Amino acid sequence: MPAPCYRHGEWHGEWHGQWHGGQTPASRTSTAEAPNENSGRELLELFGLGERNHTEVDVQAAAVVLTGWTTARRQRSPRFVSRRHTGTSQTLLGATGVNDVGSVINAVINDPAHPGFVADRVISE
C-alpha cells in the first residue's frame, strides 16, 4: 500500500480513512476541543516511524495539530475543515512550532527513525 504524500498543500495517495469505508472515527470526531489521538497514532506508527519510535506525548501533539482534517466518505479523500482545527503550535518529535499538516509531515520525515522505517516497508513489499 503506498504511503500518503503531502505536497503543494494537498494529500496524494492512500490515507488512513481508506481502511474504514472512507472515514475513520478519528476523522469524524477530532476537533480543536477534543483531539482524537487515532489519526496521530496512525500517522506515526503506520506511515512514518513504526512502533516504539515515538512517545505518547508525540501522539497527543500530532492529534492536536491534525484537528480539522477529515476524510470525505464518497470521494475517499482528505479535506480540511478550518473551524475544527486548533492553530496551537506543538513540539513533535523534538521539532518545535508544529502547527499544520505540512509541519507534522516535516517533523516525521526529519526524525532519525523515518529512513529505516521506509526502507523496511519497501523491502517487505
Protein backbone atom coordinates (compact mmCIF):
# COMPACT_ATOMS: atom_id res chain seq x y z
CA MET A 1 0.00 0.00 0.00
CA PRO A 2 1.59 3.33 -0.99
CA ALA A 3 2.16 5.83 1.79
CA PRO A 4 0.38 9.20 1.66
CA CYS A 5 2.26 12.13 0.23
CA TYR A 6 1.61 15.76 1.15
CA ARG A 7 2.77 18.24 -1.46
CA HIS A 8 1.65 21.67 -2.59
CA GLY A 9 -0.92 21.84 0.21
CA GLU A 10 -2.75 18.63 -0.76
CA TRP A 11 -2.63 14.94 0.16
CA HIS A 12 -1.92 12.45 -2.60
CA GLY A 13 -2.14 8.66 -2.41
CA GLU A 14 -3.53 6.44 0.33
CA TRP A 15 -4.88 7.88 3.59
CA HIS A 16 -5.92 6.15 6.80
CA GLY A 17 -9.64 6.60 6.07
CA GLN A 18 -9.46 4.10 3.24
CA TRP A 19 -9.42 1.25 5.78
CA HIS A 20 -12.70 2.30 7.31
CA GLY A 21 -15.01 2.86 4.39
CA GLY A 22 -13.65 6.30 3.64
CA GLN A 23 -13.93 7.81 7.08
CA THR A 24 -12.35 6.82 10.39
CA PRO A 25 -13.92 7.52 13.73
CA ALA A 26 -10.92 9.79 14.38
CA SER A 27 -11.55 11.89 11.31
CA ARG A 28 -15.21 12.35 12.23
CA THR A 29 -14.59 13.32 15.84
CA SER A 30 -11.24 15.10 16.05
CA THR A 31 -11.86 18.75 16.85
CA ALA A 32 -9.94 21.57 18.47
CA GLU A 33 -11.93 20.99 21.66
CA ALA A 34 -11.39 17.22 21.66
CA PRO A 35 -8.45 15.98 19.57
CA ASN A 36 -8.67 12.28 18.77
CA GLU A 37 -5.34 10.51 19.06
CA ASN A 38 -6.09 7.81 16.46
CA SER A 39 -5.05 9.95 13.48
CA GLY A 40 -1.80 10.98 15.14
CA ARG A 41 -1.03 7.41 16.18
CA GLU A 42 -1.82 6.01 12.71
CA LEU A 43 0.38 8.60 11.02
CA LEU A 44 3.32 7.99 13.36
CA GLU A 45 3.08 4.20 13.60
CA LEU A 46 1.71 3.06 10.25
CA PHE A 47 3.14 5.62 7.85
CA GLY A 48 6.06 7.37 9.47
CA LEU A 49 8.11 5.74 12.20
CA GLY A 50 6.71 2.39 13.24
CA GLU A 51 6.05 1.37 16.82
CA ARG A 52 8.29 2.39 19.74
CA ASN A 53 9.89 5.29 17.83
CA HIS A 54 7.73 8.00 19.41
CA THR A 55 6.13 8.82 22.75
CA GLU A 56 2.55 9.27 23.88
CA VAL A 57 3.32 13.00 24.10
CA ASP A 58 4.18 12.88 20.36
CA VAL A 59 0.88 11.11 19.62
CA GLN A 60 -1.02 13.78 21.56
CA ALA A 61 0.85 16.60 19.82
CA ALA A 62 0.16 15.11 16.38
CA ALA A 63 -3.51 14.71 17.32
CA VAL A 64 -3.78 18.40 18.24
CA VAL A 65 -2.13 19.55 15.03
CA LEU A 66 -4.20 17.20 12.85
CA THR A 67 -7.50 18.53 14.20
CA GLY A 68 -9.70 19.78 11.38
CA TRP A 69 -8.72 17.06 8.92
CA THR A 70 -11.49 14.74 7.87
CA THR A 71 -12.00 12.20 5.12
CA ALA A 72 -14.77 12.74 2.59
CA ARG A 73 -16.65 9.46 2.60
CA ARG A 74 -17.72 9.34 -1.05
CA GLN A 75 -14.52 10.74 -2.54
CA ARG A 76 -12.31 8.86 -0.06
CA SER A 77 -10.08 11.89 0.06
CA PRO A 78 -8.98 14.10 2.93
CA ARG A 79 -10.25 17.63 3.38
CA PHE A 80 -9.58 20.40 5.86
CA VAL A 81 -12.36 21.98 7.94
CA SER A 82 -10.78 25.08 9.48
CA ARG A 83 -13.42 25.61 12.18
CA ARG A 84 -12.47 22.21 13.67
CA HIS A 85 -8.74 23.00 13.76
CA THR A 86 -6.64 24.49 16.53
CA GLY A 87 -3.73 26.61 15.44
CA THR A 88 -1.80 25.92 18.62
CA SER A 89 1.85 25.13 17.92
CA GLN A 90 3.18 21.87 19.31
CA THR A 91 6.52 20.16 19.83
CA LEU A 92 6.53 16.91 17.89
CA LEU A 93 9.47 14.51 17.80
CA GLY A 94 11.66 17.32 19.05
CA ALA A 95 10.57 19.77 16.33
CA THR A 96 9.04 22.99 17.65
CA GLY A 97 6.43 25.21 16.02
CA VAL A 98 4.48 22.31 14.51
CA ASN A 99 1.01 23.72 13.75
CA ASP A 100 -0.24 22.34 10.41
CA VAL A 101 -0.19 19.12 8.45
CA GLY A 102 2.89 20.14 6.46
CA SER A 103 4.92 20.73 9.60
CA VAL A 104 3.72 17.39 11.04
CA ILE A 105 4.98 15.63 7.92
CA ASN A 106 8.28 17.53 8.08
CA ALA A 107 8.76 16.51 11.73
CA VAL A 108 8.11 12.87 10.83
CA ILE A 109 10.35 12.70 7.76
CA ASN A 110 13.17 14.50 9.59
CA ASP A 111 13.08 12.05 12.51
CA PRO A 112 16.09 9.68 12.51
CA ALA A 113 13.79 6.63 12.65
CA HIS A 114 11.97 7.53 9.42
CA PRO A 115 14.52 6.35 6.78
CA GLY A 116 14.84 2.92 8.40
CA PHE A 117 11.08 2.59 8.68
CA VAL A 118 10.61 3.44 4.99
CA ALA A 119 13.40 1.05 3.96
CA ASP A 120 11.78 -1.76 5.97
CA ARG A 121 8.41 -1.06 4.32
CA VAL A 122 9.95 -1.10 0.84
CA ILE A 123 11.77 -4.36 1.49
CA SER A 124 8.65 -6.02 2.93
CA GLU A 125 6.51 -5.11 -0.09
